Amino acid sequence: FAIPQGTVTLWPPAGVMLGILLLGERRDWPAIVAGGFVGSLGSDIFS
């Protein structure tokens, strides 16, 4: 969705992470956040 100048105008992962955290149990939050960190790291390096 990035425009030609490279600006991302819609960032779906923010909504994905918020939805998963709100549905998940507190004890699972560290694993969820760790997964988000790995996914974000991998996507940026891949890009």
ModelCIF file with pLDDT and N, C-alpha, C, O atoms, coordinates in Angstrom:
data_MODEL
#
_entry.id   MODEL 
#
_entity.id                         1 
_entity.type                       polymer 
_entity.pdbx_number_of_molecules   1 
#
_entity_poly.entity_id                      1 
_entity_poly.type                           'polypeptide(L)' 
_entity_poly.nstd_linkage                   no 
_entity_poly.nstd_monomer                   no 
_entity_poly.pdbx_seq_one_letter_code       FAIPQGTVTLWPPAGVMLGILLLGERRDWPAIVAGGFVGSLGSDIFS 
_entity_poly.pdbx_seq_one_letter_code_can   FAIPQGTVTLWPPAGVMLGILLLGERRDWPAIVAGGFVGSLGSDIFS 
_entity_poly.pdbx_strand_id                 A 
#
loop_
_entity_poly_seq.entity_id 
_entity_poly_seq.num 
_entity_poly_seq.mon_id 
_entity_poly_seq.hetero 
1 1  PHE n 
1 2  ALA n 
1 3  ILE n 
1 4  PRO n 
1 5  GLN n 
1 6  GLY n 
1 7  THR n 
1 8  VAL n 
1 9  THR n 
1 10 LEU n 
1 11 TRP n 
1 12 PRO n 
1 13 PRO n 
1 14 ALA n 
1 15 GLY n 
1 16 VAL n 
1 17 MET n 
1 18 LEU n 
1 19 GLY n 
1 20 ILE n 
1 21 LEU n 
1 22 LEU n 
1 23 LEU n 
1 24 GLY n 
1 25 GLU n 
1 26 ARG n 
1 27 ARG n 
1 28 ASP n 
1 29 TRP n 
1 30 PRO n 
1 31 ALA n 
1 32 ILE n 
1 33 VAL n 
1 34 ALA n 
1 35 GLY n 
1 36 GLY n 
1 37 PHE n 
1 38 VAL n 
1 39 GLY n 
1 40 SER n 
1 41 LEU n 
1 42 GLY n 
1 43 SER n 
1 44 ASP n 
1 45 ILE n 
1 46 PHE n 
1 47 SER n 
#
_struct_asym.id          A 
_struct_asym.entity_id   1 
#
loop_
_ma_qa_metric.id 
_ma_qa_metric.mode 
_ma_qa_metric.name 
_ma_qa_metric.software_group_id 
_ma_qa_metric.type 
1 global pLDDT . pLDDT 
2 local  pLDDT . pLDDT 
#
_ma_qa_metric_global.metric_id      1 
_ma_qa_metric_global.metric_value   86.45 
_ma_qa_metric_global.model_id       1 
_ma_qa_metric_global.ordinal_id     1 
#
loop_
_ma_qa_metric_local.label_asym_id 
_ma_qa_metric_local.label_comp_id 
_ma_qa_metric_local.label_seq_id 
_ma_qa_metric_local.metric_id 
_ma_qa_metric_local.metric_value 
_ma_qa_metric_local.model_id 
_ma_qa_metric_local.ordinal_id 
A PHE 1  2 71.00 1 1  
A ALA 2  2 71.00 1 2  
A ILE 3  2 63.00 1 3  
A PRO 4  2 59.00 1 4  
A GLN 5  2 58.00 1 5  
A GLY 6  2 58.00 1 6  
A THR 7  2 65.00 1 7  
A VAL 8  2 72.00 1 8  
A THR 9  2 76.00 1 9  
A LEU 10 2 83.00 1 10 
A TRP 11 2 89.00 1 11 
A PRO 12 2 91.00 1 12 
A PRO 13 2 93.00 1 13 
A ALA 14 2 93.00 1 14 
A GLY 15 2 92.00 1 15 
A VAL 16 2 94.00 1 16 
A MET 17 2 95.00 1 17 
A LEU 18 2 94.00 1 18 
A GLY 19 2 92.00 1 19 
A ILE 20 2 93.00 1 20 
A LEU 21 2 94.00 1 21 
A LEU 22 2 92.00 1 22 
A LEU 23 2 91.00 1 23 
A GLY 24 2 87.00 1 24 
A GLU 25 2 88.00 1 25 
A ARG 26 2 88.00 1 26 
A ARG 27 2 90.00 1 27 
A ASP 28 2 91.00 1 28 
A TRP 29 2 92.00 1 29 
A PRO 30 2 92.00 1 30 
A ALA 31 2 93.00 1 31 
A ILE 32 2 94.00 1 32 
A VAL 33 2 94.00 1 33 
A ALA 34 2 94.00 1 34 
A GLY 35 2 94.00 1 35 
A GLY 36 2 93.00 1 36 
A PHE 37 2 94.00 1 37 
A VAL 38 2 94.00 1 38 
A GLY 39 2 93.00 1 39 
A SER 40 2 92.00 1 40 
A LEU 41 2 92.00 1 41 
A GLY 42 2 90.00 1 42 
A SER 43 2 90.00 1 43 
A ASP 44 2 87.00 1 44 
A ILE 45 2 91.00 1 45 
A PHE 46 2 89.00 1 46 
A SER 47 2 82.00 1 47 
#
loop_
_atom_site.group_PDB 
_atom_site.id 
_atom_site.type_symbol 
_atom_site.label_atom_id 
_atom_site.label_alt_id 
_atom_site.label_comp_id 
_atom_site.label_asym_id 
_atom_site.label_entity_id 
_atom_site.label_seq_id 
_atom_site.pdbx_PDB_ins_code 
_atom_site.Cartn_x 
_atom_site.Cartn_y 
_atom_site.Cartn_z 
_atom_site.occupancy 
_atom_site.B_iso_or_equiv 
_atom_site.pdbx_formal_charge 
_atom_site.auth_seq_id 
_atom_site.auth_comp_id 
_atom_site.auth_asym_id 
_atom_site.auth_atom_id 
_atom_site.pdbx_PDB_model_num 
ATOM 1   N N  . PHE A 1 1  ? 0.808  -1.212  0.000  1.00 71.00 ? 1  PHE A N  1 
ATOM 2   C CA . PHE A 1 1  ? 0.000  0.000   0.000  1.00 71.00 ? 1  PHE A CA 1 
ATOM 3   C C  . PHE A 1 1  ? 0.845  1.267   0.000  1.00 71.00 ? 1  PHE A C  1 
ATOM 4   O O  . PHE A 1 1  ? 0.298  2.370   -0.034 1.00 71.00 ? 1  PHE A O  1 
ATOM 5   N N  . ALA A 1 2  ? 2.171  1.131   0.038  1.00 71.00 ? 2  ALA A N  1 
ATOM 6   C CA . ALA A 1 2  ? 3.040  2.306   0.103  1.00 71.00 ? 2  ALA A CA 1 
ATOM 7   C C  . ALA A 1 2  ? 2.907  3.125   -1.177 1.00 71.00 ? 2  ALA A C  1 
ATOM 8   O O  . ALA A 1 2  ? 2.829  2.572   -2.274 1.00 71.00 ? 2  ALA A O  1 
ATOM 9   N N  . ILE A 1 3  ? 2.882  4.437   -1.026 1.00 63.00 ? 3  ILE A N  1 
ATOM 10  C CA . ILE A 1 3  ? 2.807  5.325   -2.173 1.00 63.00 ? 3  ILE A CA 1 
ATOM 11  C C  . ILE A 1 3  ? 4.197  5.433   -2.797 1.00 63.00 ? 3  ILE A C  1 
ATOM 12  O O  . ILE A 1 3  ? 5.170  5.003   -2.177 1.00 63.00 ? 3  ILE A O  1 
ATOM 13  N N  . PRO A 1 4  ? 4.324  5.997   -4.009 1.00 59.00 ? 4  PRO A N  1 
ATOM 14  C CA . PRO A 1 4  ? 5.622  5.999   -4.695 1.00 59.00 ? 4  PRO A CA 1 
ATOM 15  C C  . PRO A 1 4  ? 6.783  6.545   -3.878 1.00 59.00 ? 4  PRO A C  1 
ATOM 16  O O  . PRO A 1 4  ? 7.916  6.102   -4.065 1.00 59.00 ? 4  PRO A O  1 
ATOM 17  N N  . GLN A 1 5  ? 6.535  7.496   -2.974 1.00 58.00 ? 5  GLN A N  1 
ATOM 18  C CA . GLN A 1 5  ? 7.628  8.048   -2.169 1.00 58.00 ? 5  GLN A CA 1 
ATOM 19  C C  . GLN A 1 5  ? 8.054  7.101   -1.048 1.00 58.00 ? 5  GLN A C  1 
ATOM 20  O O  . GLN A 1 5  ? 9.012  7.382   -0.329 1.00 58.00 ? 5  GLN A O  1 
ATOM 21  N N  . GLY A 1 6  ? 7.350  5.990   -0.899 1.00 58.00 ? 6  GLY A N  1 
ATOM 22  C CA . GLY A 1 6  ? 7.728  5.010   0.100  1.00 58.00 ? 6  GLY A CA 1 
ATOM 23  C C  . GLY A 1 6  ? 6.973  5.125   1.407  1.00 58.00 ? 6  GLY A C  1 
ATOM 24  O O  . GLY A 1 6  ? 7.254  4.361   2.331  1.00 58.00 ? 6  GLY A O  1 
ATOM 25  N N  . THR A 1 7  ? 6.030  6.041   1.529  1.00 65.00 ? 7  THR A N  1 
ATOM 26  C CA . THR A 1 7  ? 5.270  6.211   2.762  1.00 65.00 ? 7  THR A CA 1 
ATOM 27  C C  . THR A 1 7  ? 4.161  5.180   2.841  1.00 65.00 ? 7  THR A C  1 
ATOM 28  O O  . THR A 1 7  ? 3.376  5.030   1.904  1.00 65.00 ? 7  THR A O  1 
ATOM 29  N N  . VAL A 1 8  ? 4.095  4.467   3.958  1.00 72.00 ? 8  VAL A N  1 
ATOM 30  C CA . VAL A 1 8  ? 3.050  3.472   4.166  1.00 72.00 ? 8  VAL A CA 1 
ATOM 31  C C  . VAL A 1 8  ? 1.842  4.167   4.778  1.00 72.00 ? 8  VAL A C  1 
ATOM 32  O O  . VAL A 1 8  ? 1.914  4.674   5.897  1.00 72.00 ? 8  VAL A O  1 
ATOM 33  N N  . THR A 1 9  ? 0.732  4.192   4.045  1.00 76.00 ? 9  THR A N  1 
ATOM 34  C CA . THR A 1 9  ? -0.451 4.916   4.512  1.00 76.00 ? 9  THR A CA 1 
ATOM 35  C C  . THR A 1 9  ? -1.405 4.039   5.304  1.00 76.00 ? 9  THR A C  1 
ATOM 36  O O  . THR A 1 9  ? -2.312 4.550   5.961  1.00 76.00 ? 9  THR A O  1 
ATOM 37  N N  . LEU A 1 10 ? -1.215 2.730   5.252  1.00 83.00 ? 10 LEU A N  1 
ATOM 38  C CA . LEU A 1 10 ? -2.044 1.789   6.007  1.00 83.00 ? 10 LEU A CA 1 
ATOM 39  C C  . LEU A 1 10 ? -1.144 0.656   6.476  1.00 83.00 ? 10 LEU A C  1 
ATOM 40  O O  . LEU A 1 10 ? -0.490 0.003   5.663  1.00 83.00 ? 10 LEU A O  1 
ATOM 41  N N  . TRP A 1 11 ? -1.106 0.417   7.794  1.00 89.00 ? 11 TRP A N  1 
ATOM 42  C CA . TRP A 1 11 ? -0.225 -0.588  8.359  1.00 89.00 ? 11 TRP A CA 1 
ATOM 43  C C  . TRP A 1 11 ? -1.061 -1.685  9.025  1.00 89.00 ? 11 TRP A C  1 
ATOM 44  O O  . TRP A 1 11 ? -1.315 -1.614  10.227 1.00 89.00 ? 11 TRP A O  1 
ATOM 45  N N  . PRO A 1 12 ? -1.494 -2.701  8.260  1.00 91.00 ? 12 PRO A N  1 
ATOM 46  C CA . PRO A 1 12 ? -2.355 -3.754  8.803  1.00 91.00 ? 12 PRO A CA 1 
ATOM 47  C C  . PRO A 1 12 ? -1.792 -4.495  10.005 1.00 91.00 ? 12 PRO A C  1 
ATOM 48  O O  . PRO A 1 12 ? -2.575 -4.892  10.868 1.00 91.00 ? 12 PRO A O  1 
ATOM 49  N N  . PRO A 1 13 ? -0.450 -4.712  10.121 1.00 93.00 ? 13 PRO A N  1 
ATOM 50  C CA . PRO A 1 13 ? 0.048  -5.449  11.294 1.00 93.00 ? 13 PRO A CA 1 
ATOM 51  C C  . PRO A 1 13 ? -0.337 -4.822  12.631 1.00 93.00 ? 13 PRO A C  1 
ATOM 52  O O  . PRO A 1 13 ? -0.489 -5.534  13.624 1.00 93.00 ? 13 PRO A O  1 
ATOM 53  N N  . ALA A 1 14 ? -0.499 -3.491  12.668 1.00 93.00 ? 14 ALA A N  1 
ATOM 54  C CA . ALA A 1 14 ? -0.922 -2.856  13.922 1.00 93.00 ? 14 ALA A CA 1 
ATOM 55  C C  . ALA A 1 14 ? -2.287 -3.371  14.350 1.00 93.00 ? 14 ALA A C  1 
ATOM 56  O O  . ALA A 1 14 ? -2.519 -3.624  15.532 1.00 93.00 ? 14 ALA A O  1 
ATOM 57  N N  . GLY A 1 15 ? -3.185 -3.524  13.391 1.00 92.00 ? 15 GLY A N  1 
ATOM 58  C CA . GLY A 1 15 ? -4.511 -4.055  13.701 1.00 92.00 ? 15 GLY A CA 1 
ATOM 59  C C  . GLY A 1 15 ? -4.493 -5.535  14.008 1.00 92.00 ? 15 GLY A C  1 
ATOM 60  O O  . GLY A 1 15 ? -5.245 -6.006  14.861 1.00 92.00 ? 15 GLY A O  1 
ATOM 61  N N  . VAL A 1 16 ? -3.633 -6.273  13.315 1.00 94.00 ? 16 VAL A N  1 
ATOM 62  C CA . VAL A 1 16 ? -3.516 -7.709  13.574 1.00 94.00 ? 16 VAL A CA 1 
ATOM 63  C C  . VAL A 1 16 ? -3.029 -7.948  15.000 1.00 94.00 ? 16 VAL A C  1 
ATOM 64  O O  . VAL A 1 16 ? -3.596 -8.763  15.729 1.00 94.00 ? 16 VAL A O  1 
ATOM 65  N N  . MET A 1 17 ? -1.981 -7.236  15.393 1.00 95.00 ? 17 MET A N  1 
ATOM 66  C CA . MET A 1 17 ? -1.431 -7.420  16.727 1.00 95.00 ? 17 MET A CA 1 
ATOM 67  C C  . MET A 1 17 ? -2.407 -6.993  17.806 1.00 95.00 ? 17 MET A C  1 
ATOM 68  O O  . MET A 1 17 ? -2.556 -7.685  18.813 1.00 95.00 ? 17 MET A O  1 
ATOM 69  N N  . LEU A 1 18 ? -3.081 -5.854  17.612 1.00 94.00 ? 18 LEU A N  1 
ATOM 70  C CA . LEU A 1 18 ? -4.039 -5.392  18.617 1.00 94.00 ? 18 LEU A CA 1 
ATOM 71  C C  . LEU A 1 18 ? -5.172 -6.390  18.767 1.00 94.00 ? 18 LEU A C  1 
ATOM 72  O O  . LEU A 1 18 ? -5.576 -6.701  19.888 1.00 94.00 ? 18 LEU A O  1 
ATOM 73  N N  . GLY A 1 19 ? -5.691 -6.900  17.653 1.00 92.00 ? 19 GLY A N  1 
ATOM 74  C CA . GLY A 1 19 ? -6.776 -7.871  17.729 1.00 92.00 ? 19 GLY A CA 1 
ATOM 75  C C  . GLY A 1 19 ? -6.362 -9.147  18.441 1.00 92.00 ? 19 GLY A C  1 
ATOM 76  O O  . GLY A 1 19 ? -7.110 -9.670  19.267 1.00 92.00 ? 19 GLY A O  1 
ATOM 77  N N  . ILE A 1 20 ? -5.171 -9.653  18.125 1.00 93.00 ? 20 ILE A N  1 
ATOM 78  C CA . ILE A 1 20 ? -4.707 -10.893 18.763 1.00 93.00 ? 20 ILE A CA 1 
ATOM 79  C C  . ILE A 1 20 ? -4.471 -10.683 20.256 1.00 93.00 ? 20 ILE A C  1 
ATOM 80  O O  . ILE A 1 20 ? -4.832 -11.537 21.066 1.00 93.00 ? 20 ILE A O  1 
ATOM 81  N N  . LEU A 1 21 ? -3.874 -9.561  20.622 1.00 94.00 ? 21 LEU A N  1 
ATOM 82  C CA . LEU A 1 21 ? -3.632 -9.292  22.048 1.00 94.00 ? 21 LEU A CA 1 
ATOM 83  C C  . LEU A 1 21 ? -4.943 -9.148  22.819 1.00 94.00 ? 21 LEU A C  1 
ATOM 84  O O  . LEU A 1 21 ? -5.053 -9.641  23.942 1.00 94.00 ? 21 LEU A O  1 
ATOM 85  N N  . LEU A 1 22 ? -5.928 -8.486  22.236 1.00 92.00 ? 22 LEU A N  1 
ATOM 86  C CA . LEU A 1 22 ? -7.202 -8.303  22.928 1.00 92.00 ? 22 LEU A CA 1 
ATOM 87  C C  . LEU A 1 22 ? -7.944 -9.623  23.103 1.00 92.00 ? 22 LEU A C  1 
ATOM 88  O O  . LEU A 1 22 ? -8.675 -9.797  24.078 1.00 92.00 ? 22 LEU A O  1 
ATOM 89  N N  . LEU A 1 23 ? -7.763 -10.548 22.176 1.00 91.00 ? 23 LEU A N  1 
ATOM 90  C CA . LEU A 1 23 ? -8.424 -11.847 22.279 1.00 91.00 ? 23 LEU A CA 1 
ATOM 91  C C  . LEU A 1 23 ? -7.641 -12.832 23.136 1.00 91.00 ? 23 LEU A C  1 
ATOM 92  O O  . LEU A 1 23 ? -8.225 -13.735 23.735 1.00 91.00 ? 23 LEU A O  1 
ATOM 93  N N  . GLY A 1 24 ? -6.325 -12.664 23.197 1.00 87.00 ? 24 GLY A N  1 
ATOM 94  C CA . GLY A 1 24 ? -5.489 -13.606 23.929 1.00 87.00 ? 24 GLY A CA 1 
ATOM 95  C C  . GLY A 1 24 ? -5.512 -13.388 25.432 1.00 87.00 ? 24 GLY A C  1 
ATOM 96  O O  . GLY A 1 24 ? -5.911 -12.328 25.914 1.00 87.00 ? 24 GLY A O  1 
ATOM 97  N N  . GLU A 1 25 ? -5.083 -14.396 26.156 1.00 88.00 ? 25 GLU A N  1 
ATOM 98  C CA . GLU A 1 25 ? -4.979 -14.303 27.605 1.00 88.00 ? 25 GLU A CA 1 
ATOM 99  C C  . GLU A 1 25 ? -3.682 -13.577 27.981 1.00 88.00 ? 25 GLU A C  1 
ATOM 100 O O  . GLU A 1 25 ? -2.701 -13.592 27.237 1.00 88.00 ? 25 GLU A O  1 
ATOM 101 N N  . ARG A 1 26 ? -3.709 -12.947 29.150 1.00 88.00 ? 26 ARG A N  1 
ATOM 102 C CA . ARG A 1 26 ? -2.539 -12.180 29.581 1.00 88.00 ? 26 ARG A CA 1 
ATOM 103 C C  . ARG A 1 26 ? -1.281 -13.054 29.636 1.00 88.00 ? 26 ARG A C  1 
ATOM 104 O O  . ARG A 1 26 ? -0.187 -12.586 29.323 1.00 88.00 ? 26 ARG A O  1 
ATOM 105 N N  . ARG A 1 27 ? -1.432 -14.307 30.029 1.00 90.00 ? 27 ARG A N  1 
ATOM 106 C CA . ARG A 1 27 ? -0.265 -15.186 30.139 1.00 90.00 ? 27 ARG A CA 1 
ATOM 107 C C  . ARG A 1 27 ? 0.352  -15.491 28.779 1.00 90.00 ? 27 ARG A C  1 
ATOM 108 O O  . ARG A 1 27 ? 1.500  -15.929 28.698 1.00 90.00 ? 27 ARG A O  1 
ATOM 109 N N  . ASP A 1 28 ? -0.415 -15.258 27.706 1.00 91.00 ? 28 ASP A N  1 
ATOM 110 C CA . ASP A 1 28 ? 0.098  -15.500 26.360 1.00 91.00 ? 28 ASP A CA 1 
ATOM 111 C C  . ASP A 1 28 ? 0.689  -14.238 25.723 1.00 91.00 ? 28 ASP A C  1 
ATOM 112 O O  . ASP A 1 28 ? 1.276  -14.309 24.643 1.00 91.00 ? 28 ASP A O  1 
ATOM 113 N N  . TRP A 1 29 ? 0.541  -13.103 26.371 1.00 92.00 ? 29 TRP A N  1 
ATOM 114 C CA . TRP A 1 29 ? 1.021  -11.857 25.775 1.00 92.00 ? 29 TRP A CA 1 
ATOM 115 C C  . TRP A 1 29 ? 2.522  -11.866 25.471 1.00 92.00 ? 29 TRP A C  1 
ATOM 116 O O  . TRP A 1 29 ? 2.908  -11.383 24.406 1.00 92.00 ? 29 TRP A O  1 
ATOM 117 N N  . PRO A 1 30 ? 3.391  -12.390 26.347 1.00 92.00 ? 30 PRO A N  1 
ATOM 118 C CA . PRO A 1 30 ? 4.820  -12.416 25.988 1.00 92.00 ? 30 PRO A CA 1 
ATOM 119 C C  . PRO A 1 30 ? 5.088  -13.178 24.688 1.00 92.00 ? 30 PRO A C  1 
ATOM 120 O O  . PRO A 1 30 ? 5.896  -12.744 23.867 1.00 92.00 ? 30 PRO A O  1 
ATOM 121 N N  . ALA A 1 31 ? 4.411  -14.309 24.504 1.00 93.00 ? 31 ALA A N  1 
ATOM 122 C CA . ALA A 1 31 ? 4.601  -15.086 23.276 1.00 93.00 ? 31 ALA A CA 1 
ATOM 123 C C  . ALA A 1 31 ? 4.046  -14.339 22.071 1.00 93.00 ? 31 ALA A C  1 
ATOM 124 O O  . ALA A 1 31 ? 4.636  -14.380 20.992 1.00 93.00 ? 31 ALA A O  1 
ATOM 125 N N  . ILE A 1 32 ? 2.922  -13.661 22.244 1.00 94.00 ? 32 ILE A N  1 
ATOM 126 C CA . ILE A 1 32 ? 2.331  -12.901 21.142 1.00 94.00 ? 32 ILE A CA 1 
ATOM 127 C C  . ILE A 1 32 ? 3.242  -11.746 20.738 1.00 94.00 ? 32 ILE A C  1 
ATOM 128 O O  . ILE A 1 32 ? 3.489  -11.526 19.552 1.00 94.00 ? 32 ILE A O  1 
ATOM 129 N N  . VAL A 1 33 ? 3.737  -11.015 21.730 1.00 94.00 ? 33 VAL A N  1 
ATOM 130 C CA . VAL A 1 33 ? 4.629  -9.887  21.445 1.00 94.00 ? 33 VAL A CA 1 
ATOM 131 C C  . VAL A 1 33 ? 5.925  -10.384 20.804 1.00 94.00 ? 33 VAL A C  1 
ATOM 132 O O  . VAL A 1 33 ? 6.450  -9.749  19.889 1.00 94.00 ? 33 VAL A O  1 
ATOM 133 N N  . ALA A 1 34 ? 6.441  -11.521 21.286 1.00 94.00 ? 34 ALA A N  1 
ATOM 134 C CA . ALA A 1 34 ? 7.655  -12.082 20.694 1.00 94.00 ? 34 ALA A CA 1 
ATOM 135 C C  . ALA A 1 34 ? 7.418  -12.445 19.227 1.00 94.00 ? 34 ALA A C  1 
ATOM 136 O O  . ALA A 1 34 ? 8.277  -12.213 18.377 1.00 94.00 ? 34 ALA A O  1 
ATOM 137 N N  . GLY A 1 35 ? 6.253  -13.011 18.942 1.00 94.00 ? 35 GLY A N  1 
ATOM 138 C CA . GLY A 1 35 ? 5.932  -13.338 17.563 1.00 94.00 ? 35 GLY A CA 1 
ATOM 139 C C  . GLY A 1 35 ? 5.819  -12.103 16.692 1.00 94.00 ? 35 GLY A C  1 
ATOM 140 O O  . GLY A 1 35 ? 6.278  -12.093 15.550 1.00 94.00 ? 35 GLY A O  1 
ATOM 141 N N  . GLY A 1 36 ? 5.206  -11.061 17.234 1.00 93.00 ? 36 GLY A N  1 
ATOM 142 C CA . GLY A 1 36 ? 5.119  -9.811  16.489 1.00 93.00 ? 36 GLY A CA 1 
ATOM 143 C C  . GLY A 1 36 ? 6.484  -9.205  16.223 1.00 93.00 ? 36 GLY A C  1 
ATOM 144 O O  . GLY A 1 36 ? 6.738  -8.666  15.146 1.00 93.00 ? 36 GLY A O  1 
ATOM 145 N N  . PHE A 1 37 ? 7.364  -9.297  17.216 1.00 94.00 ? 37 PHE A N  1 
ATOM 146 C CA . PHE A 1 37 ? 8.727  -8.761  17.052 1.00 94.00 ? 37 PHE A CA 1 
ATOM 147 C C  . PHE A 1 37 ? 9.458  -9.512  15.938 1.00 94.00 ? 37 PHE A C  1 
ATOM 148 O O  . PHE A 1 37 ? 10.085 -8.899  15.074 1.00 94.00 ? 37 PHE A O  1 
ATOM 149 N N  . VAL A 1 38 ? 9.374  -10.830 15.964 1.00 94.00 ? 38 VAL A N  1 
ATOM 150 C CA . VAL A 1 38 ? 10.056 -11.639 14.945 1.00 94.00 ? 38 VAL A CA 1 
ATOM 151 C C  . VAL A 1 38 ? 9.464  -11.356 13.562 1.00 94.00 ? 38 VAL A C  1 
ATOM 152 O O  . VAL A 1 38 ? 10.203 -11.218 12.588 1.00 94.00 ? 38 VAL A O  1 
ATOM 153 N N  . GLY A 1 39 ? 8.129  -11.269 13.474 1.00 93.00 ? 39 GLY A N  1 
ATOM 154 C CA . GLY A 1 39 ? 7.498  -10.992 12.198 1.00 93.00 ? 39 GLY A CA 1 
ATOM 155 C C  . GLY A 1 39 ? 7.851  -9.630  11.652 1.00 93.00 ? 39 GLY A C  1 
ATOM 156 O O  . GLY A 1 39 ? 8.082  -9.479  10.453 1.00 93.00 ? 39 GLY A O  1 
ATOM 157 N N  . SER A 1 40 ? 7.896  -8.625  12.528 1.00 92.00 ? 40 SER A N  1 
ATOM 158 C CA . SER A 1 40 ? 8.285  -7.281  12.108 1.00 92.00 ? 40 SER A CA 1 
ATOM 159 C C  . SER A 1 40 ? 9.733  -7.239  11.658 1.00 92.00 ? 40 SER A C  1 
ATOM 160 O O  . SER A 1 40 ? 10.056 -6.644  10.629 1.00 92.00 ? 40 SER A O  1 
ATOM 161 N N  . LEU A 1 41 ? 10.604 -7.871  12.429 1.00 92.00 ? 41 LEU A N  1 
ATOM 162 C CA . LEU A 1 41 ? 12.024 -7.913  12.072 1.00 92.00 ? 41 LEU A CA 1 
ATOM 163 C C  . LEU A 1 41 ? 12.226 -8.591  10.719 1.00 92.00 ? 41 LEU A C  1 
ATOM 164 O O  . LEU A 1 41 ? 12.954 -8.088  9.864  1.00 92.00 ? 41 LEU A O  1 
ATOM 165 N N  . GLY A 1 42 ? 11.577 -9.728  10.539 1.00 90.00 ? 42 GLY A N  1 
ATOM 166 C CA . GLY A 1 42 ? 11.729 -10.462 9.294  1.00 90.00 ? 42 GLY A CA 1 
ATOM 167 C C  . GLY A 1 42 ? 11.182 -9.714  8.094  1.00 90.00 ? 42 GLY A C  1 
ATOM 168 O O  . GLY A 1 42 ? 11.786 -9.730  7.022  1.00 90.00 ? 42 GLY A O  1 
ATOM 169 N N  . SER A 1 43 ? 10.037 -9.054  8.266  1.00 90.00 ? 43 SER A N  1 
ATOM 170 C CA . SER A 1 43 ? 9.429  -8.334  7.142  1.00 90.00 ? 43 SER A CA 1 
ATOM 171 C C  . SER A 1 43 ? 10.283 -7.141  6.716  1.00 90.00 ? 43 SER A C  1 
ATOM 172 O O  . SER A 1 43 ? 10.409 -6.864  5.523  1.00 90.00 ? 43 SER A O  1 
ATOM 173 N N  . ASP A 1 44 ? 10.873 -6.431  7.686  1.00 87.00 ? 44 ASP A N  1 
ATOM 174 C CA . ASP A 1 44 ? 11.704 -5.277  7.347  1.00 87.00 ? 44 ASP A CA 1 
ATOM 175 C C  . ASP A 1 44 ? 13.008 -5.706  6.674  1.00 87.00 ? 44 ASP A C  1 
ATOM 176 O O  . ASP A 1 44 ? 13.448 -5.081  5.709  1.00 87.00 ? 44 ASP A O  1 
ATOM 177 N N  . ILE A 1 45 ? 13.620 -6.767  7.181  1.00 91.00 ? 45 ILE A N  1 
ATOM 178 C CA . ILE A 1 45 ? 14.846 -7.257  6.555  1.00 91.00 ? 45 ILE A CA 1 
ATOM 179 C C  . ILE A 1 45 ? 14.547 -7.767  5.147  1.00 91.00 ? 45 ILE A C  1 
ATOM 180 O O  . ILE A 1 45 ? 15.312 -7.520  4.215  1.00 91.00 ? 45 ILE A O  1 
ATOM 181 N N  . PHE A 1 46 ? 13.442 -8.472  5.002  1.00 89.00 ? 46 PHE A N  1 
ATOM 182 C CA . PHE A 1 46 ? 13.043 -8.978  3.686  1.00 89.00 ? 46 PHE A CA 1 
ATOM 183 C C  . PHE A 1 46 ? 12.782 -7.839  2.707  1.00 89.00 ? 46 PHE A C  1 
ATOM 184 O O  . PHE A 1 46 ? 12.989 -7.984  1.502  1.00 89.00 ? 46 PHE A O  1 
ATOM 185 N N  . SER A 1 47 ? 12.323 -6.696  3.239  1.00 82.00 ? 47 SER A N  1 
ATOM 186 C CA . SER A 1 47 ? 12.020 -5.547  2.392  1.00 82.00 ? 47 SER A CA 1 
ATOM 187 C C  . SER A 1 47 ? 13.229 -4.661  2.144  1.00 82.00 ? 47 SER A C  1 
ATOM 188 O O  . SER A 1 47 ? 13.124 -3.653  1.446  1.00 82.00 ? 47 SER A O  1 
#
